[in-house]
Protein backbone atom coordinates (compact mmCIF):
# COMPACT_ATOMS: atom_id res chain seq x y z
CA UNK A 1 67.01 20.53 16.06
CA UNK A 2 64.62 23.35 15.11
CA UNK A 3 64.37 24.95 11.69
CA UNK A 4 62.24 28.14 11.93
CA UNK A 5 59.87 26.62 14.43
CA UNK A 6 59.59 23.22 12.77
CA UNK A 7 61.18 20.39 14.71
CA UNK A 8 63.47 18.38 12.46
CA UNK A 9 64.93 15.09 13.58
CA UNK A 10 67.68 13.18 11.82
CA UNK A 11 67.68 9.83 10.04
CA UNK A 12 70.16 7.80 8.01
CA UNK A 13 70.04 8.20 4.22
CA UNK A 14 71.53 6.25 1.31
CA UNK A 15 74.08 4.37 3.35
CA UNK A 16 71.79 1.45 4.07
CA UNK A 17 74.62 -0.84 5.14
CA UNK A 18 74.95 1.10 8.39
CA UNK A 19 71.36 1.02 9.53
CA UNK A 20 70.00 -2.00 7.69
CA UNK A 21 68.22 -4.27 10.11
CA UNK A 22 67.72 -7.17 7.71
CA UNK A 23 70.28 -9.94 7.34
CA UNK A 24 70.64 -9.38 3.60
CA UNK A 25 72.00 -5.82 3.77
CA UNK A 26 75.23 -6.98 2.12
CA UNK A 27 73.40 -8.29 -0.93
CA UNK A 28 73.25 -4.88 -2.64
CA UNK A 29 76.69 -5.17 -4.17
CA UNK A 30 78.54 -3.31 -6.87
CA UNK A 31 79.73 -5.11 -9.97
CA UNK A 32 83.28 -4.35 -11.05
CA UNK A 33 84.58 -4.51 -14.63
CA UNK A 34 87.75 -3.90 -16.57
CA UNK A 35 87.80 -3.47 -20.33
CA UNK A 36 88.66 -1.45 -23.43
CA UNK A 37 87.03 0.86 -25.96
CA UNK A 38 88.17 0.45 -29.56
CA UNK A 39 90.45 -2.33 -28.29
CA UNK A 40 93.01 0.15 -26.91
CA UNK A 41 91.50 2.63 -24.43
CA UNK A 42 91.62 0.74 -21.13
CA UNK A 43 89.10 1.54 -18.40
CA UNK A 44 87.74 0.34 -15.08
CA UNK A 45 83.99 0.45 -14.42
CA UNK A 46 81.65 -0.14 -11.48
CA UNK A 47 77.87 -0.54 -11.74
CA UNK A 48 75.11 -0.82 -9.15
CA UNK A 49 71.95 -2.56 -10.35
CA UNK A 50 68.49 -2.05 -8.87
CA UNK A 51 65.72 -3.74 -10.77
CA UNK A 52 66.33 -2.92 -14.43
CA UNK A 53 68.09 0.38 -13.59
CA UNK A 54 71.86 0.48 -13.41
CA UNK A 55 74.11 3.36 -12.45
CA UNK A 56 77.75 3.91 -11.70
CA UNK A 57 80.86 5.29 -13.34
CA UNK A 58 83.93 4.42 -15.34
CA UNK A 59 87.28 6.03 -15.94
CA UNK A 60 90.09 5.61 -18.42
CA UNK A 61 93.16 4.25 -16.66
CA UNK A 62 95.27 6.95 -18.30
CA UNK A 63 93.25 9.82 -16.81
CA UNK A 64 91.35 8.42 -13.79
CA UNK A 65 88.64 11.05 -14.17
CA UNK A 66 85.15 9.75 -13.35
CA UNK A 67 82.51 9.56 -16.07
CA UNK A 68 79.09 8.85 -14.59
CA UNK A 69 76.61 6.40 -16.09
CA UNK A 70 72.91 5.73 -15.83
CA UNK A 71 70.67 3.45 -17.83
CA UNK A 72 68.94 0.10 -18.15
CA UNK A 73 70.45 -3.34 -17.61
CA UNK A 74 68.81 -6.74 -17.98
CA UNK A 75 70.30 -10.20 -17.75
CA UNK A 76 71.16 -10.02 -21.46
CA UNK A 77 71.36 -6.35 -22.57
CA UNK A 78 72.51 -2.94 -21.40
CA UNK A 79 71.95 0.66 -22.49
CA UNK A 80 74.00 3.26 -20.59
CA UNK A 81 74.11 7.03 -20.90
CA UNK A 82 77.11 9.14 -19.90
CA UNK A 83 76.06 11.89 -17.48
CA UNK A 84 77.29 15.16 -16.13
CA UNK A 85 77.99 15.07 -12.41
CA UNK A 86 74.91 16.38 -10.66
CA UNK A 87 75.07 18.65 -7.62
CA UNK A 88 74.91 16.48 -4.52
CA UNK A 89 75.39 13.28 -6.59
CA UNK A 90 75.19 10.17 -4.45
CA UNK A 91 75.02 6.49 -5.26
CA UNK A 92 71.52 5.44 -6.17
CA UNK A 93 70.72 8.80 -7.76
CA UNK A 94 70.42 8.78 -11.52
CA UNK A 95 67.99 9.63 -14.29
CA UNK A 96 67.87 9.93 -18.06
CA UNK A 97 69.22 13.35 -18.95
CA UNK A 98 67.79 15.24 -21.90
CA UNK A 99 69.80 16.21 -24.95
CA UNK A 100 72.60 14.48 -26.78
CA UNK A 101 74.77 12.16 -24.72
CA UNK A 102 77.44 9.57 -25.40
CA UNK A 103 75.98 6.11 -24.90
CA UNK A 104 77.17 2.54 -24.47
CA UNK A 105 74.93 -0.28 -25.66
CA UNK A 106 75.29 -4.01 -26.11
CA UNK A 107 74.72 -7.48 -24.79
CA UNK A 108 75.65 -9.38 -21.64
CA UNK A 109 76.75 -13.02 -21.74
CA UNK A 110 77.84 -14.41 -18.39
CA UNK A 111 80.50 -12.07 -17.02
CA UNK A 112 81.16 -10.36 -20.37
CA UNK A 113 79.65 -7.10 -21.62
CA UNK A 114 80.18 -6.42 -25.33
CA UNK A 115 78.82 -3.78 -27.65
CA UNK A 116 79.58 -0.25 -28.81
CA UNK A 117 80.42 3.17 -27.42
CA UNK A 118 78.55 5.81 -29.44
CA UNK A 119 79.72 9.39 -29.92
CA UNK A 120 77.15 12.18 -29.54
CA UNK A 121 79.15 14.49 -31.82
CA UNK A 122 80.06 12.75 -35.06
CA UNK A 123 77.87 9.66 -34.93
CA UNK A 124 80.87 7.33 -34.84
CA UNK A 125 80.82 4.11 -32.83
CA UNK A 126 83.70 2.13 -31.32
CA UNK A 127 83.80 -1.39 -29.96
CA UNK A 128 83.21 -1.77 -26.22
CA UNK A 129 84.23 -4.81 -24.19
CA UNK A 130 84.26 -5.36 -20.43
CA UNK A 131 84.78 -8.35 -18.15
CA UNK A 132 83.43 -8.60 -14.62
CA UNK A 133 86.21 -9.10 -12.08
CA UNK A 134 86.44 -9.68 -8.34
CA UNK A 135 86.82 -6.37 -6.45
CA UNK A 136 90.31 -5.50 -5.27
CA UNK A 137 90.45 -2.99 -2.43
CA UNK A 138 93.97 -1.71 -3.13
CA UNK A 139 93.32 -1.22 -6.86
CA UNK A 140 90.05 0.63 -6.16
CA UNK A 141 91.58 2.94 -3.57
CA UNK A 142 94.71 3.59 -5.65
CA UNK A 143 92.39 5.15 -8.21
CA UNK A 144 90.76 7.22 -5.46
CA UNK A 145 93.94 9.04 -4.38
CA UNK A 146 93.32 12.77 -4.19
CA UNK A 147 91.58 15.57 -2.30
CA UNK A 148 87.85 15.53 -1.51
CA UNK A 149 85.63 18.40 -0.37
CA UNK A 150 82.36 18.15 1.48
CA UNK A 151 79.52 18.20 -1.08
CA UNK A 152 76.43 17.48 1.02
CA UNK A 153 75.17 16.07 4.32
CA UNK A 154 72.11 13.92 4.87
CA UNK A 155 70.73 13.25 8.33
CA UNK A 156 67.71 11.88 10.17
CA UNK A 157 66.22 10.78 13.45
CA UNK A 158 63.75 8.03 14.29
CA UNK A 159 63.16 7.31 10.58
CA UNK A 160 60.44 9.94 10.24
CA UNK A 161 62.25 13.27 9.86
CA UNK A 162 65.12 14.23 7.58
CA UNK A 163 67.45 17.12 6.88
CA UNK A 164 69.80 17.83 3.97
CA UNK A 165 72.68 20.28 3.74
CA UNK A 166 73.68 21.20 0.19
CA UNK A 167 75.86 23.84 -1.44
CA UNK A 168 74.42 25.95 -4.23
CA UNK A 169 76.02 29.00 -5.88
CA UNK A 170 78.83 28.90 -3.33
CA UNK A 171 76.56 29.03 -0.29
CA UNK A 172 75.32 26.26 2.00
CA UNK A 173 71.63 25.79 2.74
CA UNK A 174 69.58 23.29 4.74
CA UNK A 175 66.12 21.84 4.14
CA UNK A 176 64.09 19.46 6.25
CA UNK A 177 60.99 17.31 6.16
CA UNK A 178 58.93 15.38 8.68
CA UNK A 179 56.05 12.92 8.65
CA UNK A 180 52.80 14.38 9.93
CA UNK A 181 49.47 12.52 9.82
CA UNK A 182 51.05 9.90 7.59
CA UNK A 183 52.36 12.45 5.07
CA UNK A 184 55.86 13.80 4.57
CA UNK A 185 55.83 17.58 4.69
CA UNK A 186 58.71 19.94 3.94
CA UNK A 187 59.73 22.48 6.52
CA UNK A 188 61.06 25.96 5.89
CA UNK A 189 64.66 26.29 4.84
CA UNK A 190 67.02 26.76 7.75
CA UNK A 191 69.40 29.67 8.19
CA UNK A 192 73.02 28.53 8.38
CA UNK A 193 75.25 30.75 10.47
CA UNK A 194 78.43 32.32 9.13
CA UNK A 195 80.42 30.05 11.44
CA UNK A 196 78.77 26.93 10.03
CA UNK A 197 79.13 28.21 6.46
CA UNK A 198 82.87 28.47 7.04
CA UNK A 199 83.02 25.13 8.84
CA UNK A 200 81.24 23.26 6.05
CA UNK A 201 83.39 24.85 3.35
CA UNK A 202 86.62 23.99 5.18
CA UNK A 203 86.01 20.26 5.67
CA UNK A 204 88.43 18.20 3.55
CA UNK A 205 89.51 14.58 3.13
CA UNK A 206 92.83 13.62 1.57
CA UNK A 207 93.94 10.15 0.47
CA UNK A 208 97.70 9.94 -0.10
CA UNK A 209 99.80 7.53 -2.15
CA UNK A 210 100.07 5.14 0.81
CA UNK A 211 96.24 4.98 0.76
CA UNK A 212 96.08 6.61 4.17
CA UNK A 213 93.11 8.90 4.82
CA UNK A 214 93.49 12.28 6.54
CA UNK A 215 90.60 14.48 7.66
CA UNK A 216 91.04 18.25 7.95
CA UNK A 217 88.97 21.13 9.23
CA UNK A 218 90.69 24.00 7.48
CA UNK A 219 94.40 23.50 8.20
CA UNK A 220 93.72 21.46 11.33
CA UNK A 221 94.28 17.71 11.02
CA UNK A 222 91.49 16.03 12.99
CA UNK A 223 91.91 12.31 12.21
CA UNK A 224 94.06 9.75 10.38
CA UNK A 225 93.07 6.33 9.04
CA UNK A 226 96.04 4.27 7.76
CA UNK A 227 95.45 1.77 4.97
CA UNK A 228 94.48 -1.75 6.01
CA UNK A 229 93.93 -4.68 3.66
CA UNK A 230 90.65 -5.47 5.45
CA UNK A 231 88.11 -3.40 7.31
CA UNK A 232 89.06 -2.10 10.77
CA UNK A 233 86.78 -1.90 13.78
CA UNK A 234 87.70 -0.05 16.97
CA UNK A 235 84.53 0.77 18.90
CA UNK A 236 85.50 0.55 22.57
CA UNK A 237 83.55 3.21 24.42
CA UNK A 238 80.13 1.91 23.38
CA UNK A 239 79.93 -1.64 24.68
CA UNK A 240 77.78 -4.57 23.72
CA UNK A 241 75.89 -4.22 27.02
CA UNK A 242 75.06 -0.62 26.15
CA UNK A 243 74.17 -1.82 22.68
CA UNK A 244 71.41 -3.99 24.12
CA UNK A 245 70.18 -1.15 26.30
CA UNK A 246 70.14 1.53 23.61
CA UNK A 247 69.31 -0.56 20.51
CA UNK A 248 72.44 0.36 18.54
CA UNK A 249 73.28 -3.06 17.13
CA UNK A 250 73.95 -1.48 13.71
CA UNK A 251 77.36 -0.30 14.99
CA UNK A 252 78.49 -3.84 15.66
CA UNK A 253 77.38 -5.30 12.33
CA UNK A 254 80.79 -4.38 10.90
CA UNK A 255 82.86 -6.28 13.43
CA UNK A 256 84.77 -9.11 11.79
CA UNK A 257 83.63 -8.50 8.20
CA UNK A 258 85.70 -7.92 5.10
CA UNK A 259 86.09 -4.62 3.23
CA UNK A 260 83.16 -4.86 0.82
CA UNK A 261 79.76 -4.15 2.36
CA UNK A 262 76.82 -3.33 0.16
CA UNK A 263 77.82 -0.65 -2.33
CA UNK A 264 80.79 0.72 -0.41
CA UNK A 265 84.37 -0.18 0.44
CA UNK A 266 84.32 -0.12 4.21
CA UNK A 267 87.51 1.37 5.64
CA UNK A 268 87.00 1.89 9.37
CA UNK A 269 84.47 2.06 12.18
CA UNK A 270 85.69 3.83 15.29
CA UNK A 271 84.66 5.88 18.30
CA UNK A 272 88.20 6.97 19.09
CA UNK A 273 87.74 10.59 18.03
CA UNK A 274 84.88 13.07 18.23
CA UNK A 275 83.59 14.41 14.93
CA UNK A 276 80.61 16.43 16.09
CA UNK A 277 82.56 19.60 16.86
CA UNK A 278 83.52 19.78 13.16
CA UNK A 279 79.96 19.73 11.78
CA UNK A 280 77.17 22.36 11.88
CA UNK A 281 75.72 23.26 15.26
CA UNK A 282 72.33 21.53 14.68
CA UNK A 283 74.08 18.19 14.08
CA UNK A 284 75.92 18.57 17.36
CA UNK A 285 72.64 17.69 19.03
CA UNK A 286 73.41 14.09 18.11
CA UNK A 287 74.64 12.05 21.06
CA UNK A 288 78.08 13.12 22.28
CA UNK A 289 78.81 9.39 22.47
CA UNK A 290 78.97 8.14 18.92
CA UNK A 291 80.90 6.00 16.48
CA UNK A 292 81.78 6.95 12.92
CA UNK A 293 82.12 4.82 9.81
CA UNK A 294 84.48 5.84 6.98
CA UNK A 295 83.68 4.34 3.58
CA UNK A 296 84.38 4.82 -0.13
CA UNK A 297 81.65 4.46 -2.76
CA UNK A 298 83.30 3.50 -6.07
CA UNK A 299 80.19 3.98 -8.23
CA UNK A 300 79.70 7.58 -7.03
CA UNK A 301 83.45 8.10 -6.52
CA UNK A 302 82.74 9.66 -3.15
CA UNK A 303 83.90 9.15 0.40
CA UNK A 304 81.17 8.81 3.02
CA UNK A 305 81.56 9.49 6.73
CA UNK A 306 78.57 8.42 8.81
CA UNK A 307 78.11 9.59 12.39
CA UNK A 308 76.26 6.83 14.28
CA UNK A 309 74.71 8.06 17.51
CA UNK A 310 74.29 5.78 20.51
CA UNK A 311 70.70 7.02 20.59
CA UNK A 312 68.96 4.37 18.51
CA UNK A 313 68.31 6.01 15.14
CA UNK A 314 70.10 9.37 15.03
CA UNK A 315 72.57 9.45 12.13
CA UNK A 316 74.22 11.87 9.74
CA UNK A 317 76.21 11.04 6.60
CA UNK A 318 78.79 13.42 5.12
CA UNK A 319 79.49 13.00 1.40
CA UNK A 320 82.85 14.18 0.04
CA UNK A 321 83.48 14.55 -3.69
CA UNK A 322 86.84 14.56 -5.46
CA UNK A 323 88.38 17.85 -6.53
CA UNK A 324 89.40 17.71 -10.18
């Protein structure tokens, strides 16, 4: 792909579970909680912890509207800040926002978090209590029912060059970067054609009450994924023999596993339909033979669709955010 004369290749971004080459790629796991504020406002919460930073979201069971969190967590204490959803928000992205924010602070003892929720308006505080629970796929996806629109795309090739598609002020733009002489350098912004502007804006995912997933390009239904209690795997056109030849073992890491992989709920891996014709023209330079992985990230409350090329390292991940 070329962006105003600068060659930009594609590489996989936050979804490390797809491309991770180490055996411990499943170790980066969300922690799930259920609890109450003031003893009566029930909520579900999911947190991802990296070092002493923790990020995620919670929602009141009555409203099921995500409230994003970022802060510090140790083995014994936590200090979380409620955040506004940032443009292009993805799991693993978080920072301390300036100004007045509602906060949650307290102590951790075993699988129990206890402390106080603090108002940023009137200075009042209310008791906060949460208990860590085992993840339940059906419960998590029941709270994800709704319509999701494409919010951004991240892509890369050969682990040295990257491209990002984001929407700002109602218009899509693309930026790229590449490693040159050991340094990562940004390229010029890329022009996105009117066709691709329309294509990106029309991409939609819907999860219905049966927990089935439906992908649309405008009004055109392009794929269905029915609910399954475990993960599904249906890669048939890219064989294990080809895997050895082309170094695409990451596709087969999902075969035979359960639904929870890293920080996502894995729904399906398949090569039974072609997604490339529904993404911008530059991404269509990925191999025409590819698999896709469909996943849900509870902490970011986003669906992720990753295109996995048969060509070693070419990947692109589409992030879809819920419409409120």
